[in-house]
Amino acid sequence: MNTPLEQTQLTSDNQAPLTPLADFRKSGRAPVEMHHLIFHHKKSLVEHGAICKFGRKWLVSEGHLFRWLREQGANAGRPKRPNEFNAD
């Protein structure tokens, strides 16, 4: 019989365990403010499999989320407003 850790390691990417957003935030494993991230980047996060909606709840795939952060992290802040582009 496999331990939960071994089961997690054996699962393929699309079989990764999903954690309710509230539980993920409370666990302290979220490296960023998740509600901010979802508000500004929901479409991209869903496309990458980092989050998915189940009824009224958001579920987080931790591995996909960290992969998304590594790939998109430089652009993951609040999108700049048009007048902010000229400030640089």
N, C-alpha and C. Protein backbone atom coordinates (compact mmCIF):
# COMPACT_ATOMS: atom_id res chain seq x y z
N MET A 1 0.85 -1.18 0.00
CA MET A 1 0.00 0.00 0.00
C MET A 1 0.89 1.24 0.00
N ASN A 2 0.56 2.21 -0.85
CA ASN A 2 1.36 3.42 -0.97
C ASN A 2 0.96 4.46 0.07
N THR A 3 1.95 5.18 0.55
CA THR A 3 1.67 6.31 1.45
C THR A 3 1.15 7.47 0.61
N PRO A 4 0.50 8.47 1.22
CA PRO A 4 0.01 9.62 0.45
C PRO A 4 1.12 10.31 -0.34
N LEU A 5 2.33 10.40 0.22
CA LEU A 5 3.44 11.02 -0.49
C LEU A 5 3.80 10.23 -1.74
N GLU A 6 3.85 8.90 -1.60
CA GLU A 6 4.16 8.05 -2.76
C GLU A 6 3.07 8.15 -3.81
N GLN A 7 1.82 8.23 -3.40
CA GLN A 7 0.72 8.36 -4.36
C GLN A 7 0.85 9.67 -5.12
N THR A 8 1.21 10.74 -4.44
CA THR A 8 1.37 12.03 -5.10
C THR A 8 2.48 11.96 -6.13
N GLN A 9 3.57 11.27 -5.80
CA GLN A 9 4.69 11.17 -6.73
C GLN A 9 4.36 10.30 -7.93
N LEU A 10 3.45 9.36 -7.78
CA LEU A 10 3.10 8.45 -8.87
C LEU A 10 2.08 9.03 -9.84
N THR A 11 1.36 10.06 -9.43
CA THR A 11 0.31 10.59 -10.29
C THR A 11 0.90 11.40 -11.41
N SER A 12 0.23 11.35 -12.58
CA SER A 12 0.67 12.17 -13.70
C SER A 12 0.22 13.61 -13.48
N ASP A 13 0.67 14.52 -14.35
CA ASP A 13 0.37 15.94 -14.17
C ASP A 13 -1.12 16.23 -14.09
N ASN A 14 -1.91 15.60 -14.96
CA ASN A 14 -3.34 15.91 -14.93
C ASN A 14 -4.08 15.13 -13.85
N GLN A 15 -3.37 14.32 -13.09
CA GLN A 15 -3.97 13.59 -11.98
C GLN A 15 -3.49 14.13 -10.63
N ALA A 16 -2.80 15.28 -10.66
CA ALA A 16 -2.28 15.87 -9.42
C ALA A 16 -3.44 16.20 -8.49
N PRO A 17 -3.24 16.04 -7.19
CA PRO A 17 -4.32 16.33 -6.24
C PRO A 17 -4.71 17.80 -6.27
N LEU A 18 -6.00 18.06 -6.12
CA LEU A 18 -6.53 19.42 -6.08
C LEU A 18 -6.89 19.77 -4.65
N THR A 19 -6.49 20.94 -4.21
CA THR A 19 -6.72 21.41 -2.85
C THR A 19 -7.67 22.59 -2.90
N PRO A 20 -8.71 22.62 -2.07
CA PRO A 20 -9.57 23.80 -2.04
C PRO A 20 -8.74 25.05 -1.74
N LEU A 21 -9.07 26.14 -2.40
CA LEU A 21 -8.32 27.38 -2.26
C LEU A 21 -8.20 27.82 -0.81
N ALA A 22 -9.28 27.75 -0.05
CA ALA A 22 -9.25 28.17 1.35
C ALA A 22 -8.24 27.34 2.15
N ASP A 23 -8.23 26.04 1.93
CA ASP A 23 -7.28 25.17 2.63
C ASP A 23 -5.84 25.46 2.20
N PHE A 24 -5.65 25.72 0.92
CA PHE A 24 -4.31 26.02 0.40
C PHE A 24 -3.78 27.31 1.01
N ARG A 25 -4.63 28.31 1.12
CA ARG A 25 -4.21 29.59 1.72
C ARG A 25 -3.88 29.41 3.20
N LYS A 26 -4.71 28.66 3.92
CA LYS A 26 -4.48 28.45 5.36
C LYS A 26 -3.23 27.62 5.64
N SER A 27 -2.84 26.78 4.68
CA SER A 27 -1.69 25.90 4.89
C SER A 27 -0.37 26.67 4.94
N GLY A 28 -0.36 27.87 4.39
CA GLY A 28 0.87 28.65 4.35
C GLY A 28 1.78 28.30 3.19
N ARG A 29 1.35 27.40 2.32
CA ARG A 29 2.17 27.01 1.17
C ARG A 29 2.00 27.95 -0.02
N ALA A 30 1.02 28.85 0.04
CA ALA A 30 0.79 29.79 -1.06
C ALA A 30 1.84 30.89 -1.00
N PRO A 31 2.71 30.99 -2.01
CA PRO A 31 3.78 31.98 -1.96
C PRO A 31 3.32 33.40 -2.30
N VAL A 32 2.10 33.52 -2.79
CA VAL A 32 1.55 34.83 -3.18
C VAL A 32 0.11 34.91 -2.70
N GLU A 33 -0.48 36.09 -2.76
CA GLU A 33 -1.89 36.26 -2.40
C GLU A 33 -2.74 35.70 -3.54
N MET A 34 -3.39 34.58 -3.28
CA MET A 34 -4.10 33.85 -4.32
C MET A 34 -5.29 34.61 -4.89
N HIS A 35 -6.05 35.32 -4.06
CA HIS A 35 -7.21 36.04 -4.58
C HIS A 35 -6.77 37.12 -5.57
N HIS A 36 -5.68 37.80 -5.28
CA HIS A 36 -5.12 38.81 -6.19
C HIS A 36 -4.72 38.15 -7.50
N LEU A 37 -4.03 37.01 -7.40
CA LEU A 37 -3.56 36.30 -8.59
C LEU A 37 -4.73 35.85 -9.45
N ILE A 38 -5.77 35.29 -8.83
CA ILE A 38 -6.93 34.82 -9.58
C ILE A 38 -7.67 35.99 -10.21
N PHE A 39 -7.81 37.10 -9.50
CA PHE A 39 -8.52 38.26 -10.03
C PHE A 39 -7.86 38.77 -11.31
N HIS A 40 -6.52 38.83 -11.32
CA HIS A 40 -5.82 39.41 -12.45
C HIS A 40 -5.42 38.40 -13.53
N HIS A 41 -5.33 37.11 -13.21
CA HIS A 41 -4.80 36.13 -14.16
C HIS A 41 -5.63 34.85 -14.23
N LYS A 42 -6.92 34.95 -13.98
CA LYS A 42 -7.79 33.77 -13.92
C LYS A 42 -7.70 32.92 -15.20
N LYS A 43 -7.83 33.56 -16.35
CA LYS A 43 -7.85 32.82 -17.62
C LYS A 43 -6.57 32.01 -17.82
N SER A 44 -5.43 32.64 -17.60
CA SER A 44 -4.15 31.98 -17.78
C SER A 44 -3.96 30.84 -16.77
N LEU A 45 -4.35 31.07 -15.52
CA LEU A 45 -4.23 30.03 -14.49
C LEU A 45 -5.08 28.81 -14.82
N VAL A 46 -6.29 29.05 -15.32
CA VAL A 46 -7.18 27.94 -15.70
C VAL A 46 -6.60 27.20 -16.90
N GLU A 47 -6.10 27.94 -17.90
CA GLU A 47 -5.53 27.31 -19.09
C GLU A 47 -4.32 26.43 -18.75
N HIS A 48 -3.53 26.83 -17.77
CA HIS A 48 -2.35 26.05 -17.36
C HIS A 48 -2.69 24.95 -16.36
N GLY A 49 -3.94 24.86 -15.93
CA GLY A 49 -4.34 23.81 -14.99
C GLY A 49 -3.97 24.11 -13.55
N ALA A 50 -3.57 25.34 -13.25
CA ALA A 50 -3.17 25.69 -11.89
C ALA A 50 -4.38 25.80 -10.97
N ILE A 51 -5.52 26.22 -11.51
CA ILE A 51 -6.75 26.31 -10.73
C ILE A 51 -7.90 25.79 -11.58
N CYS A 52 -8.95 25.34 -10.92
CA CYS A 52 -10.18 24.99 -11.64
C CYS A 52 -11.36 25.24 -10.71
N LYS A 53 -12.47 25.53 -11.30
CA LYS A 53 -13.68 25.85 -10.55
C LYS A 53 -14.49 24.57 -10.39
N PHE A 54 -14.96 24.33 -9.18
CA PHE A 54 -15.84 23.20 -8.90
C PHE A 54 -17.01 23.75 -8.11
N GLY A 55 -18.13 23.95 -8.76
CA GLY A 55 -19.26 24.61 -8.11
C GLY A 55 -18.88 26.03 -7.78
N ARG A 56 -18.96 26.39 -6.51
CA ARG A 56 -18.58 27.74 -6.09
C ARG A 56 -17.15 27.82 -5.58
N LYS A 57 -16.47 26.69 -5.54
CA LYS A 57 -15.11 26.66 -4.97
C LYS A 57 -14.05 26.65 -6.06
N TRP A 58 -12.93 27.28 -5.74
CA TRP A 58 -11.73 27.17 -6.57
C TRP A 58 -10.86 26.07 -5.98
N LEU A 59 -10.33 25.22 -6.85
CA LEU A 59 -9.41 24.18 -6.45
C LEU A 59 -8.04 24.49 -7.04
N VAL A 60 -6.99 24.23 -6.28
CA VAL A 60 -5.63 24.57 -6.68
C VAL A 60 -4.82 23.30 -6.90
N SER A 61 -4.14 23.23 -8.03
CA SER A 61 -3.15 22.19 -8.28
C SER A 61 -1.79 22.80 -7.97
N GLU A 62 -1.23 22.42 -6.85
CA GLU A 62 -0.02 23.07 -6.35
C GLU A 62 1.14 22.99 -7.35
N GLY A 63 1.35 21.83 -7.93
CA GLY A 63 2.45 21.69 -8.90
C GLY A 63 2.27 22.57 -10.11
N HIS A 64 1.04 22.59 -10.65
CA HIS A 64 0.76 23.44 -11.80
C HIS A 64 0.90 24.92 -11.45
N LEU A 65 0.48 25.28 -10.23
CA LEU A 65 0.59 26.68 -9.80
C LEU A 65 2.06 27.11 -9.76
N PHE A 66 2.92 26.30 -9.17
CA PHE A 66 4.33 26.66 -9.08
C PHE A 66 4.97 26.71 -10.46
N ARG A 67 4.56 25.81 -11.35
CA ARG A 67 5.08 25.84 -12.72
C ARG A 67 4.63 27.14 -13.41
N TRP A 68 3.35 27.52 -13.22
CA TRP A 68 2.83 28.76 -13.80
C TRP A 68 3.61 29.97 -13.25
N LEU A 69 3.87 29.98 -11.95
CA LEU A 69 4.61 31.09 -11.35
C LEU A 69 6.02 31.19 -11.93
N ARG A 70 6.67 30.06 -12.16
CA ARG A 70 8.01 30.10 -12.75
C ARG A 70 7.99 30.65 -14.17
N GLU A 71 6.96 30.25 -14.94
CA GLU A 71 6.86 30.69 -16.34
C GLU A 71 6.34 32.11 -16.47
N GLN A 72 5.36 32.48 -15.65
CA GLN A 72 4.67 33.76 -15.80
C GLN A 72 5.00 34.76 -14.70
N GLY A 73 5.85 34.38 -13.76
CA GLY A 73 6.10 35.20 -12.58
C GLY A 73 6.50 36.63 -12.86
N ALA A 74 7.30 36.85 -13.90
CA ALA A 74 7.74 38.21 -14.20
C ALA A 74 6.58 39.11 -14.60
N ASN A 75 5.52 38.52 -15.13
CA ASN A 75 4.36 39.30 -15.59
C ASN A 75 3.14 39.09 -14.70
N ALA A 76 3.33 38.55 -13.50
CA ALA A 76 2.20 38.12 -12.69
C ALA A 76 1.62 39.20 -11.79
N GLY A 77 2.17 40.37 -11.77
CA GLY A 77 1.62 41.44 -10.93
C GLY A 77 0.36 42.02 -11.55
N ARG A 78 -0.12 43.08 -10.94
CA ARG A 78 -1.29 43.77 -11.48
C ARG A 78 -0.93 44.32 -12.85
N PRO A 79 -1.78 44.11 -13.85
CA PRO A 79 -1.49 44.67 -15.18
C PRO A 79 -1.40 46.20 -15.10
N LYS A 80 -0.45 46.75 -15.84
CA LYS A 80 -0.28 48.21 -15.82
C LYS A 80 -1.42 48.89 -16.56
N ARG A 81 -1.80 50.04 -16.05
CA ARG A 81 -2.80 50.86 -16.72
C ARG A 81 -2.10 51.64 -17.83
N PRO A 82 -2.85 52.09 -18.84
CA PRO A 82 -2.22 52.80 -19.97
C PRO A 82 -1.36 53.99 -19.54
N ASN A 83 -1.79 54.77 -18.55
CA ASN A 83 -1.01 55.94 -18.14
C ASN A 83 0.26 55.55 -17.37
N GLU A 84 0.35 54.31 -16.89
CA GLU A 84 1.54 53.85 -16.16
C GLU A 84 2.67 53.46 -17.11
N PHE A 85 2.35 53.13 -18.37
CA PHE A 85 3.39 52.77 -19.32
C PHE A 85 4.29 53.95 -19.61
N ASN A 86 3.74 55.15 -19.61
CA ASN A 86 4.52 56.35 -19.91
C ASN A 86 5.40 56.77 -18.75
N ALA A 87 5.13 56.27 -17.54
CA ALA A 87 5.88 56.67 -16.35
C ALA A 87 7.28 56.07 -16.33
N ASP A 88 7.52 55.00 -17.08
CA ASP A 88 8.84 54.34 -17.07
C ASP A 88 9.81 55.23 -17.70
